[in-house]
């Protein structure tokens, strides 16, 4: 009877030991990923690289059907007729295709401006921030496209101005030459010149002009034209 109790106790102890050992094995497997097929694949593929017949794409060993196949993320693709943009495979319709972020674009027709695909109607178009513009008629002022009718139009921050009659002041405003720091804006100076300076100048010139009506008219027109060129 005693021997039976001893035997049953030994069996119970063995079951407890086996259960504890099994739990410990499972715990170690979870920590070190022992027996994981994916981990074994990663270890087998790590450092293999391009062997000529296989590709290692993000730890996954893939077949390489031809020399033009390459990795795109965890998959492979043929670079002859596809393009990989940020791990996304796109069909390459033309050889001039390139990536602009995750999207493909035709470099013969478009520009990639800060991740945005923009129209390029001719070769004189370039990027200004995330937009495209023609350098023949416009200019880029701190990523802002501004119209440039003449070469003497230049940038002052994000705005443009006529450097023949205006200047870019230290505070970033555009004023007429010699007017920086007086507190007046360009609009106020322009309005003052229109309402005061120019009419008085025309009147004086006309009063001192020759008595001939036709020459007086010509002189007046020249002064008006000069005013328009200077202040408009």
C-alpha atoms as a PDB file:
ATOM      1  CA  UNK A   1       0.000   0.000   0.000  1.00  0.00           C
ATOM      2  CA  UNK A   2       2.878   2.244   0.850  1.00  0.00           C
ATOM      3  CA  UNK A   3       4.623   1.439  -2.376  1.00  0.00           C
ATOM      4  CA  UNK A   4       1.541   2.404  -4.361  1.00  0.00           C
ATOM      5  CA  UNK A   5       1.383   5.814  -2.649  1.00  0.00           C
ATOM      6  CA  UNK A   6       5.037   6.398  -3.346  1.00  0.00           C
ATOM      7  CA  UNK A   7       4.526   5.492  -7.001  1.00  0.00           C
ATOM      8  CA  UNK A   8       1.542   7.812  -7.357  1.00  0.00           C
ATOM      9  CA  UNK A   9       3.503  10.650  -5.774  1.00  0.00           C
ATOM     10  CA  UNK A  10       6.353  10.170  -8.241  1.00  0.00           C
ATOM     11  CA  UNK A  11       3.931  10.214 -11.176  1.00  0.00           C
ATOM     12  CA  UNK A  12       2.328  13.424  -9.868  1.00  0.00           C
ATOM     13  CA  UNK A  13       5.749  15.039  -9.474  1.00  0.00           C
ATOM     14  CA  UNK A  14       6.685  14.018 -13.017  1.00  0.00           C
ATOM     15  CA  UNK A  15       3.520  15.554 -14.447  1.00  0.00           C
ATOM     16  CA  UNK A  16       4.212  18.802 -12.630  1.00  0.00           C
ATOM     17  CA  UNK A  17       7.799  18.815 -13.922  1.00  0.00           C
ATOM     18  CA  UNK A  18       6.671  18.063 -17.473  1.00  0.00           C
ATOM     19  CA  UNK A  19       4.080  20.827 -17.389  1.00  0.00           C
ATOM     20  CA  UNK A  20       6.608  23.303 -16.045  1.00  0.00           C
ATOM     21  CA  UNK A  21       9.150  22.276 -18.698  1.00  0.00           C
ATOM     22  CA  UNK A  22       6.571  22.582 -21.470  1.00  0.00           C
ATOM     23  CA  UNK A  23       5.527  26.056 -20.314  1.00  0.00           C
ATOM     24  CA  UNK A  24       9.175  27.121 -20.142  1.00  0.00           C
ATOM     25  CA  UNK A  25       9.740  25.834 -23.689  1.00  0.00           C
ATOM     26  CA  UNK A  26       6.758  27.756 -24.991  1.00  0.00           C
ATOM     27  CA  UNK A  27       7.926  30.907 -23.210  1.00  0.00           C
ATOM     28  CA  UNK A  28      11.408  30.651 -24.728  1.00  0.00           C
ATOM     29  CA  UNK A  29       9.911  30.015 -28.162  1.00  0.00           C
ATOM     30  CA  UNK A  30       7.811  33.168 -27.854  1.00  0.00           C
ATOM     31  CA  UNK A  31      10.741  35.299 -26.759  1.00  0.00           C
ATOM     32  CA  UNK A  32      13.288  34.080 -29.285  1.00  0.00           C
ATOM     33  CA  UNK A  33      10.804  33.146 -32.049  1.00  0.00           C
ATOM     34  CA  UNK A  34      12.157  29.596 -32.047  1.00  0.00           C
ATOM     35  CA  UNK A  35      10.506  27.475 -34.706  1.00  0.00           C
ATOM     36  CA  UNK A  36       9.077  30.449 -36.623  1.00  0.00           C
ATOM     37  CA  UNK A  37       9.051  29.802 -40.358  1.00  0.00           C
ATOM     38  CA  UNK A  38       9.213  33.506 -41.180  1.00  0.00           C
ATOM     39  CA  UNK A  39      12.190  34.029 -38.879  1.00  0.00           C
ATOM     40  CA  UNK A  40      13.983  31.066 -40.416  1.00  0.00           C
ATOM     41  CA  UNK A  41      13.290  32.504 -43.869  1.00  0.00           C
ATOM     42  CA  UNK A  42      14.644  35.886 -42.799  1.00  0.00           C
ATOM     43  CA  UNK A  43      17.779  34.337 -41.384  1.00  0.00           C
ATOM     44  CA  UNK A  44      18.261  32.261 -44.524  1.00  0.00           C
ATOM     45  CA  UNK A  45      17.738  35.283 -46.819  1.00  0.00           C
ATOM     46  CA  UNK A  46      19.702  37.816 -44.781  1.00  0.00           C
ATOM     47  CA  UNK A  47      22.891  38.807 -46.553  1.00  0.00           C
ATOM     48  CA  UNK A  48      22.137  36.741 -49.674  1.00  0.00           C
ATOM     49  CA  UNK A  49      21.472  39.757 -51.937  1.00  0.00           C
ATOM     50  CA  UNK A  50      21.311  39.271 -55.707  1.00  0.00           C
ATOM     51  CA  UNK A  51      22.687  35.851 -56.567  1.00  0.00           C
ATOM     52  CA  UNK A  52      21.750  36.027 -60.258  1.00  0.00           C
ATOM     53  CA  UNK A  53      18.886  33.564 -59.811  1.00  0.00           C
ATOM     54  CA  UNK A  54      17.319  34.834 -56.596  1.00  0.00           C
ATOM     55  CA  UNK A  55      16.477  38.123 -54.914  1.00  0.00           C
ATOM     56  CA  UNK A  56      16.303  38.897 -51.194  1.00  0.00           C
ATOM     57  CA  UNK A  57      13.461  41.423 -50.892  1.00  0.00           C
ATOM     58  CA  UNK A  58      12.973  42.633 -47.319  1.00  0.00           C
ATOM     59  CA  UNK A  59      13.995  39.270 -45.898  1.00  0.00           C
ATOM     60  CA  UNK A  60      11.984  37.221 -48.400  1.00  0.00           C
ATOM     61  CA  UNK A  61      13.861  35.025 -50.861  1.00  0.00           C
ATOM     62  CA  UNK A  62      12.284  35.343 -54.333  1.00  0.00           C
ATOM     63  CA  UNK A  63      13.145  33.881 -57.735  1.00  0.00           C
ATOM     64  CA  UNK A  64      14.791  36.157 -60.319  1.00  0.00           C
ATOM     65  CA  UNK A  65      13.459  35.192 -63.757  1.00  0.00           C
ATOM     66  CA  UNK A  66      15.718  37.664 -65.616  1.00  0.00           C
ATOM     67  CA  UNK A  67      18.509  40.190 -65.094  1.00  0.00           C
ATOM     68  CA  UNK A  68      15.974  43.065 -65.304  1.00  0.00           C
ATOM     69  CA  UNK A  69      14.062  41.936 -62.218  1.00  0.00           C
ATOM     70  CA  UNK A  70      14.538  43.918 -59.006  1.00  0.00           C
ATOM     71  CA  UNK A  71      12.957  44.306 -55.592  1.00  0.00           C
ATOM     72  CA  UNK A  72      10.047  46.625 -54.843  1.00  0.00           C
ATOM     73  CA  UNK A  73       9.352  46.314 -51.163  1.00  0.00           C
ATOM     74  CA  UNK A  74       8.799  42.657 -50.434  1.00  0.00           C
ATOM     75  CA  UNK A  75       7.990  41.729 -54.055  1.00  0.00           C
ATOM     76  CA  UNK A  76       9.927  41.619 -57.311  1.00  0.00           C
ATOM     77  CA  UNK A  77       9.160  43.272 -60.657  1.00  0.00           C
ATOM     78  CA  UNK A  78      10.508  43.618 -64.184  1.00  0.00           C
ATOM     79  CA  UNK A  79      12.166  47.032 -64.622  1.00  0.00           C
ATOM     80  CA  UNK A  80      11.608  46.876 -68.402  1.00  0.00           C
ATOM     81  CA  UNK A  81       7.865  47.473 -68.221  1.00  0.00           C
ATOM     82  CA  UNK A  82       7.231  48.539 -64.628  1.00  0.00           C
ATOM     83  CA  UNK A  83       8.467  51.179 -62.188  1.00  0.00           C
ATOM     84  CA  UNK A  84       8.642  51.050 -58.393  1.00  0.00           C
ATOM     85  CA  UNK A  85       7.584  54.220 -56.541  1.00  0.00           C
ATOM     86  CA  UNK A  86       7.798  54.005 -52.745  1.00  0.00           C
ATOM     87  CA  UNK A  87       7.243  50.236 -52.758  1.00  0.00           C
ATOM     88  CA  UNK A  88       4.288  50.533 -55.182  1.00  0.00           C
ATOM     89  CA  UNK A  89       4.626  48.907 -58.621  1.00  0.00           C
ATOM     90  CA  UNK A  90       3.249  50.858 -61.614  1.00  0.00           C
ATOM     91  CA  UNK A  91       3.193  49.991 -65.285  1.00  0.00           C
ATOM     92  CA  UNK A  92       5.851  51.946 -67.222  1.00  0.00           C
ATOM     93  CA  UNK A  93       4.184  53.163 -70.394  1.00  0.00           C
ATOM     94  CA  UNK A  94       7.176  55.195 -71.639  1.00  0.00           C
ATOM     95  CA  UNK A  95      10.910  54.948 -70.976  1.00  0.00           C
ATOM     96  CA  UNK A  96      10.813  58.564 -69.746  1.00  0.00           C
ATOM     97  CA  UNK A  97       8.710  57.598 -66.722  1.00  0.00           C
ATOM     98  CA  UNK A  98      10.057  58.500 -63.272  1.00  0.00           C
ATOM     99  CA  UNK A  99       8.677  58.666 -59.738  1.00  0.00           C
ATOM    100  CA  UNK A 100       7.182  61.707 -58.028  1.00  0.00           C
ATOM    101  CA  UNK A 101       6.506  60.412 -54.552  1.00  0.00           C
ATOM    102  CA  UNK A 102       4.310  57.313 -54.863  1.00  0.00           C
ATOM    103  CA  UNK A 103       3.127  58.232 -58.392  1.00  0.00           C
ATOM    104  CA  UNK A 104       4.806  57.876 -61.814  1.00  0.00           C
ATOM    105  CA  UNK A 105       5.044  60.747 -64.313  1.00  0.00           C
ATOM    106  CA  UNK A 106       6.409  61.395 -67.789  1.00  0.00           C
ATOM    107  CA  UNK A 107       9.539  63.565 -67.532  1.00  0.00           C
ATOM    108  CA  UNK A 108       9.050  64.714 -71.141  1.00  0.00           C
ATOM    109  CA  UNK A 109       5.680  66.286 -70.328  1.00  0.00           C
ATOM    110  CA  UNK A 110       5.622  67.065 -66.618  1.00  0.00           C
ATOM    111  CA  UNK A 111       7.698  68.240 -63.670  1.00  0.00           C
ATOM    112  CA  UNK A 112       7.856  66.896 -60.134  1.00  0.00           C
ATOM    113  CA  UNK A 113       7.665  69.973 -57.883  1.00  0.00           C
ATOM    114  CA  UNK A 114       7.998  69.094 -54.204  1.00  0.00           C
ATOM    115  CA  UNK A 115       6.072  65.865 -54.663  1.00  0.00           C
ATOM    116  CA  UNK A 116       3.415  67.432 -56.907  1.00  0.00           C
ATOM    117  CA  UNK A 117       3.182  66.577 -60.626  1.00  0.00           C
ATOM    118  CA  UNK A 118       2.966  69.810 -62.647  1.00  0.00           C
ATOM    119  CA  UNK A 119       2.504  70.575 -66.335  1.00  0.00           C
ATOM    120  CA  UNK A 120       5.583  71.389 -68.462  1.00  0.00           C
ATOM    121  CA  UNK A 121       4.391  72.705 -71.863  1.00  0.00           C
ATOM    122  CA  UNK A 122       7.914  73.735 -72.953  1.00  0.00           C
ATOM    123  CA  UNK A 123      11.544  73.441 -71.868  1.00  0.00           C
ATOM    124  CA  UNK A 124      11.589  76.911 -70.248  1.00  0.00           C
ATOM    125  CA  UNK A 125       9.221  75.760 -67.506  1.00  0.00           C
ATOM    126  CA  UNK A 126      10.735  74.967 -64.098  1.00  0.00           C
ATOM    127  CA  UNK A 127       9.530  74.479 -60.519  1.00  0.00           C
ATOM    128  CA  UNK A 128       8.667  77.213 -58.036  1.00  0.00           C
ATOM    129  CA  UNK A 129       7.703  75.504 -54.802  1.00  0.00           C
ATOM    130  CA  UNK A 130       5.014  72.987 -55.681  1.00  0.00           C
ATOM    131  CA  UNK A 131       4.049  74.802 -58.922  1.00  0.00           C
ATOM    132  CA  UNK A 132       5.575  75.109 -62.384  1.00  0.00           C
ATOM    133  CA  UNK A 133       6.092  78.342 -64.322  1.00  0.00           C
ATOM    134  CA  UNK A 134       7.697  79.773 -67.455  1.00  0.00           C
ATOM    135  CA  UNK A 135      10.936  81.695 -66.851  1.00  0.00           C
ATOM    136  CA  UNK A 136      10.196  83.655 -70.046  1.00  0.00           C
ATOM    137  CA  UNK A 137       7.291  85.586 -68.503  1.00  0.00           C
ATOM    138  CA  UNK A 138       7.435  84.922 -64.762  1.00  0.00           C
ATOM    139  CA  UNK A 139       9.802  84.631 -61.835  1.00  0.00           C
ATOM    140  CA  UNK A 140       9.865  82.733 -58.551  1.00  0.00           C
ATOM    141  CA  UNK A 141       9.796  84.823 -55.361  1.00  0.00           C
ATOM    142  CA  UNK A 142      10.130  82.565 -52.308  1.00  0.00           C
ATOM    143  CA  UNK A 143       8.013  79.780 -53.840  1.00  0.00           C
ATOM    144  CA  UNK A 144       5.457  82.316 -55.162  1.00  0.00           C
ATOM    145  CA  UNK A 145       5.113  82.766 -58.942  1.00  0.00           C
ATOM    146  CA  UNK A 146       5.088  86.442 -59.982  1.00  0.00           C
ATOM    147  CA  UNK A 147       4.606  87.995 -63.416  1.00  0.00           C
ATOM    148  CA  UNK A 148       7.821  89.502 -64.867  1.00  0.00           C
ATOM    149  CA  UNK A 149       7.016  91.750 -67.848  1.00  0.00           C
ATOM    150  CA  UNK A 150      10.552  93.223 -67.976  1.00  0.00           C
ATOM    151  CA  UNK A 151      14.011  92.108 -66.749  1.00  0.00           C
ATOM    152  CA  UNK A 152      14.167  94.983 -64.240  1.00  0.00           C
ATOM    153  CA  UNK A 153      11.265  93.470 -62.300  1.00  0.00           C
ATOM    154  CA  UNK A 154      12.813  91.627 -59.339  1.00  0.00           C
ATOM    155  CA  UNK A 155      11.734  89.983 -56.092  1.00  0.00           C
ATOM    156  CA  UNK A 156      11.149  91.495 -52.678  1.00  0.00           C
ATOM    157  CA  UNK A 157      10.118  88.579 -50.514  1.00  0.00           C
ATOM    158  CA  UNK A 158       7.110  86.983 -52.161  1.00  0.00           C
ATOM    159  CA  UNK A 159       6.251  90.074 -54.256  1.00  0.00           C
ATOM    160  CA  UNK A 160       7.820  91.649 -57.335  1.00  0.00           C
ATOM    161  CA  UNK A 161       8.669  95.288 -58.062  1.00  0.00           C
ATOM    162  CA  UNK A 162      10.050  97.617 -60.713  1.00  0.00           C
ATOM    163  CA  UNK A 163      13.680  98.175 -59.684  1.00  0.00           C
ATOM    164  CA  UNK A 164      13.945 101.229 -61.974  1.00  0.00           C
ATOM    165  CA  UNK A 165      11.665 103.303 -59.745  1.00  0.00           C
ATOM    166  CA  UNK A 166      11.142 101.193 -56.625  1.00  0.00           C
ATOM    167  CA  UNK A 167      13.238  99.530 -53.948  1.00  0.00           C
ATOM    168  CA  UNK A 168      12.876  96.688 -51.450  1.00  0.00           C
ATOM    169  CA  UNK A 169      13.057  98.194 -47.964  1.00  0.00           C
ATOM    170  CA  UNK A 170      14.588  96.535 -44.921  1.00  0.00           C
ATOM    171  CA  UNK A 171      11.131  95.822 -43.490  1.00  0.00           C
ATOM    172  CA  UNK A 172      10.225  93.815 -46.600  1.00  0.00           C
ATOM    173  CA  UNK A 173       7.925  96.415 -48.133  1.00  0.00           C
ATOM    174  CA  UNK A 174       8.264  97.862 -51.624  1.00  0.00           C
ATOM    175  CA  UNK A 175       8.580 101.652 -51.791  1.00  0.00           C
ATOM    176  CA  UNK A 176       9.623 104.207 -54.366  1.00  0.00           C
ATOM    177  CA  UNK A 177      13.368 104.858 -54.378  1.00  0.00           C
ATOM    178  CA  UNK A 178      14.295 107.139 -51.489  1.00  0.00           C
ATOM    179  CA  UNK A 179      11.022 106.592 -49.649  1.00  0.00           C
ATOM    180  CA  UNK A 180      11.992 103.714 -47.308  1.00  0.00           C
ATOM    181  CA  UNK A 181      11.275 104.372 -43.648  1.00  0.00           C
ATOM    182  CA  UNK A 182       8.993 107.401 -44.010  1.00  0.00           C
ATOM    183  CA  UNK A 183       5.885 105.429 -43.045  1.00  0.00           C
ATOM    184  CA  UNK A 184       4.108 105.842 -46.370  1.00  0.00           C
ATOM    185  CA  UNK A 185       3.120 102.886 -48.485  1.00  0.00           C
ATOM    186  CA  UNK A 186       3.733 102.568 -52.196  1.00  0.00           C
ATOM    187  CA  UNK A 187       0.010 103.002 -52.854  1.00  0.00           C
ATOM    188  CA  UNK A 188      -0.077 106.245 -50.851  1.00  0.00           C
ATOM    189  CA  UNK A 189       2.943 107.634 -52.707  1.00  0.00           C
ATOM    190  CA  UNK A 190       1.439 106.686 -56.070  1.00  0.00           C
ATOM    191  CA  UNK A 191      -1.876 108.378 -55.222  1.00  0.00           C
ATOM    192  CA  UNK A 192      -0.050 111.489 -54.014  1.00  0.00           C
ATOM    193  CA  UNK A 193       1.920 111.705 -57.264  1.00  0.00           C
ATOM    194  CA  UNK A 194      -1.216 111.290 -59.328  1.00  0.00           C
ATOM    195  CA  UNK A 195      -3.216 113.970 -57.513  1.00  0.00           C
ATOM    196  CA  UNK A 196      -0.498 116.541 -56.874  1.00  0.00           C
ATOM    197  CA  UNK A 197       2.905 116.243 -58.503  1.00  0.00           C
ATOM    198  CA  UNK A 198       2.040 115.278 -62.050  1.00  0.00           C
ATOM    199  CA  UNK A 199      -0.849 117.684 -62.756  1.00  0.00           C
ATOM    200  CA  UNK A 200       1.176 120.650 -61.438  1.00  0.00           C
ATOM    201  CA  UNK A 201       4.169 119.655 -63.542  1.00  0.00           C
ATOM    202  CA  UNK A 202       2.046 119.398 -66.665  1.00  0.00           C
ATOM    203  CA  UNK A 203       0.441 122.776 -66.023  1.00  0.00           C
ATOM    204  CA  UNK A 204       3.823 124.476 -65.580  1.00  0.00           C
ATOM    205  CA  UNK A 205       5.235 122.872 -68.671  1.00  0.00           C
ATOM    206  CA  UNK A 206       2.220 123.834 -70.744  1.00  0.00           C
ATOM    207  CA  UNK A 207       2.275 127.431 -69.530  1.00  0.00           C
ATOM    208  CA  UNK A 208       5.951 127.766 -70.490  1.00  0.00           C
ATOM    209  CA  UNK A 209       5.599 126.034 -73.838  1.00  0.00           C
ATOM    210  CA  UNK A 210       5.586 127.905 -77.202  1.00  0.00           C
ATOM    211  CA  UNK A 211       2.406 129.628 -78.331  1.00  0.00           C
ATOM    212  CA  UNK A 212       1.857 127.226 -81.236  1.00  0.00           C
ATOM    213  CA  UNK A 213      -1.216 125.100 -80.570  1.00  0.00           C
ATOM    214  CA  UNK A 214       0.161 121.982 -82.246  1.00  0.00           C
ATOM    215  CA  UNK A 215       3.517 122.196 -80.405  1.00  0.00           C
ATOM    216  CA  UNK A 216       1.694 122.793 -77.114  1.00  0.00           C
ATOM    217  CA  UNK A 217      -0.416 119.697 -77.670  1.00  0.00           C
ATOM    218  CA  UNK A 218       2.657 117.612 -78.565  1.00  0.00           C
ATOM    219  CA  UNK A 219       4.505 118.791 -75.466  1.00  0.00           C
ATOM    220  CA  UNK A 220       1.531 117.942 -73.231  1.00  0.00           C
ATOM    221  CA  UNK A 221       1.210 114.460 -74.722  1.00  0.00           C
ATOM    222  CA  UNK A 222       4.916 113.835 -74.176  1.00  0.00           C
ATOM    223  CA  UNK A 223       4.622 114.803 -70.522  1.00  0.00           C
ATOM    224  CA  UNK A 224       1.596 112.565 -70.006  1.00  0.00           C
ATOM    225  CA  UNK A 225       3.411 109.680 -71.708  1.00  0.00           C
ATOM    226  CA  UNK A 226       6.452 110.257 -69.513  1.00  0.00           C
ATOM    227  CA  UNK A 227       4.256 110.155 -66.430  1.00  0.00           C
ATOM    228  CA  UNK A 228       2.600 106.909 -67.501  1.00  0.00           C
ATOM    229  CA  UNK A 229       5.944 105.231 -68.149  1.00  0.00           C
ATOM    230  CA  UNK A 230       7.371 106.396 -64.833  1.00  0.00           C
ATOM    231  CA  UNK A 231       4.529 105.839 -62.400  1.00  0.00           C
ATOM    232  CA  UNK A 232       2.295 103.145 -63.942  1.00  0.00           C
END
